Amino acid sequence: MITYKETKDFNETDLKNLFLSVNWSSGNYPDKLVIAMKNSDTVISAWDGEKLIGLINALSDKIMTVYFHYLLVMPDYHSQGIGKSLLTKMLEIYKEYARKAVIAYNKEIGFYQRCGFEPHSDKTPMFITFLTT
């Protein structure tokens, strides 16, 4: 049975295993991920017993705009509605906000469209990524 928790307290191993399961390079920095989760406005996680299998986090200005930065579910648990449940729970928390935004890879756009998000052709996400050890 999958359970959901609103917590910011994670250990490095759980985060590393989750992030690397979907080949996200941030999993190579589990110590930074622990801090990132603590610094997030909200984190909702999915658990199969004691195993962390998914999470979503929110970064917000606390009044108008919220960004859902991470949304990931271990591949063995895909297509079970876990990602959609995580996103739905987060959207409920931030329902009064004017703007809810995600930055998605092209392969993820269909998922977010099914959840009510719309891509905009006149907007381009931009990044500078610099990770230190």
Protein backbone atom coordinates (compact mmCIF):
# COMPACT_ATOMS: atom_id res chain seq x y z
CA MET A 1 0.00 0.00 0.00
CA ILE A 2 1.35 3.42 -0.99
CA THR A 3 1.27 6.11 1.68
CA TYR A 4 1.86 9.84 1.28
CA LYS A 5 3.63 12.12 3.76
CA GLU A 6 4.18 15.85 3.96
CA THR A 7 7.70 16.01 5.37
CA LYS A 8 11.02 17.65 4.63
CA ASP A 9 13.13 15.15 6.59
CA PHE A 10 14.90 12.62 4.38
CA ASN A 11 18.12 10.69 4.60
CA GLU A 12 20.76 10.85 1.90
CA THR A 13 20.44 7.20 0.89
CA ASP A 14 16.68 7.41 0.23
CA LEU A 15 17.07 10.54 -1.89
CA LYS A 16 20.08 9.18 -3.76
CA ASN A 17 18.26 5.95 -4.61
CA LEU A 18 15.13 7.78 -5.78
CA PHE A 19 16.90 10.37 -7.93
CA LEU A 20 19.34 7.93 -9.50
CA SER A 21 16.50 5.49 -10.25
CA VAL A 22 15.29 8.01 -12.86
CA ASN A 23 18.84 8.93 -13.94
CA TRP A 24 18.76 12.44 -12.51
CA SER A 25 22.31 13.67 -11.91
CA SER A 26 21.26 15.51 -8.76
CA GLY A 27 21.17 12.04 -7.14
CA ASN A 28 24.96 12.27 -7.13
CA TYR A 29 24.65 15.05 -4.53
CA PRO A 30 22.46 13.48 -1.82
CA ASP A 31 23.85 15.78 0.89
CA LYS A 32 22.66 18.79 -1.13
CA LEU A 33 19.29 17.13 -1.83
CA VAL A 34 18.70 16.74 1.92
CA ILE A 35 19.22 20.49 2.34
CA ALA A 36 17.15 21.30 -0.77
CA MET A 37 14.18 19.38 0.64
CA LYS A 38 14.48 21.15 4.00
CA ASN A 39 14.58 24.52 2.20
CA SER A 40 11.56 23.75 0.01
CA ASP A 41 8.25 25.34 0.91
CA THR A 42 6.42 22.02 0.72
CA VAL A 43 7.47 18.43 0.02
CA ILE A 44 5.08 15.52 -0.40
CA SER A 45 6.56 12.05 -0.65
CA ALA A 46 5.24 8.63 -1.61
CA TRP A 47 6.29 5.53 0.32
CA ASP A 48 5.94 1.80 -0.17
CA GLY A 49 6.41 0.72 3.43
CA GLU A 50 9.77 2.20 4.45
CA LYS A 51 10.91 2.73 0.85
CA LEU A 52 10.82 6.25 -0.63
CA ILE A 53 9.38 5.80 -4.12
CA GLY A 54 8.41 9.32 -5.17
CA LEU A 55 8.24 12.97 -4.24
CA ILE A 56 7.26 16.44 -5.35
CA ASN A 57 8.53 19.71 -3.94
CA ALA A 58 7.36 23.31 -4.22
CA LEU A 59 9.25 26.59 -4.25
CA SER A 60 7.08 29.64 -3.74
CA ASP A 61 6.90 33.39 -3.18
CA LYS A 62 4.16 32.51 -0.67
CA ILE A 63 1.38 34.52 -2.32
CA MET A 64 1.26 34.50 -6.15
CA THR A 65 3.55 31.94 -7.77
CA VAL A 66 4.62 28.40 -6.98
CA TYR A 67 7.10 26.28 -8.91
CA PHE A 68 6.99 22.52 -8.71
CA HIS A 69 10.67 21.83 -9.11
CA TYR A 70 10.99 18.08 -8.59
CA LEU A 71 8.39 15.45 -9.39
CA LEU A 72 9.75 11.95 -9.66
CA VAL A 73 8.61 8.39 -9.11
CA MET A 74 10.79 5.27 -9.25
CA PRO A 75 10.35 3.49 -12.61
CA ASP A 76 9.02 0.29 -11.01
CA TYR A 77 6.08 2.37 -9.75
CA HIS A 78 5.26 4.24 -12.96
CA SER A 79 1.73 4.07 -14.42
CA GLN A 80 0.15 3.50 -11.01
CA GLY A 81 -1.16 7.06 -10.53
CA ILE A 82 1.47 7.98 -7.95
CA GLY A 83 2.88 10.97 -9.85
CA LYS A 84 -0.60 12.29 -10.54
CA SER A 85 -1.55 11.82 -6.86
CA LEU A 86 1.53 13.74 -5.75
CA LEU A 87 0.77 16.58 -8.16
CA THR A 88 -2.93 16.66 -7.26
CA LYS A 89 -2.10 16.91 -3.55
CA MET A 90 0.31 19.76 -4.23
CA LEU A 91 -2.15 21.61 -6.47
CA GLU A 92 -4.72 21.45 -3.67
CA ILE A 93 -2.28 23.07 -1.22
CA TYR A 94 -1.56 25.90 -3.69
CA LYS A 95 -5.05 26.21 -5.21
CA GLU A 96 -5.34 29.93 -4.35
CA TYR A 97 -2.13 30.87 -6.16
CA ALA A 98 -2.45 32.68 -9.48
CA ARG A 99 0.41 30.85 -11.20
CA LYS A 100 1.54 27.27 -10.84
CA ALA A 101 4.56 26.43 -12.98
CA VAL A 102 6.67 23.43 -13.89
CA ILE A 103 9.68 23.07 -16.10
CA ALA A 104 9.33 19.79 -17.95
CA TYR A 105 11.44 17.86 -20.38
CA ASN A 106 9.78 17.23 -23.74
CA LYS A 107 9.10 13.58 -22.87
CA GLU A 108 7.19 14.71 -19.75
CA ILE A 109 4.89 17.25 -21.40
CA GLY A 110 2.08 14.74 -22.02
CA PHE A 111 1.91 13.88 -18.32
CA TYR A 112 1.63 17.51 -17.30
CA GLN A 113 -0.97 18.23 -20.00
CA ARG A 114 -3.10 15.39 -18.63
CA CYS A 115 -2.83 17.11 -15.24
CA GLY A 116 -4.07 20.46 -16.60
CA PHE A 117 -0.83 22.29 -17.44
CA GLU A 118 -0.37 23.87 -20.86
CA PRO A 119 2.91 24.47 -22.70
CA HIS A 120 3.44 27.96 -24.06
CA SER A 121 5.24 28.46 -27.35
CA ASP A 122 6.22 32.02 -26.44
CA LYS A 123 8.08 31.03 -23.24
CA THR A 124 11.43 29.28 -23.01
CA PRO A 125 12.91 27.85 -19.80
CA MET A 126 16.53 28.82 -19.35
CA PHE A 127 19.15 27.35 -17.04
CA ILE A 128 22.63 27.83 -15.79
CA THR A 129 23.62 24.65 -14.02
CA PHE A 130 26.79 24.51 -12.02
CA LEU A 131 27.24 21.73 -9.53
CA THR A 132 30.22 21.58 -7.22
CA THR A 133 31.39 18.64 -5.18
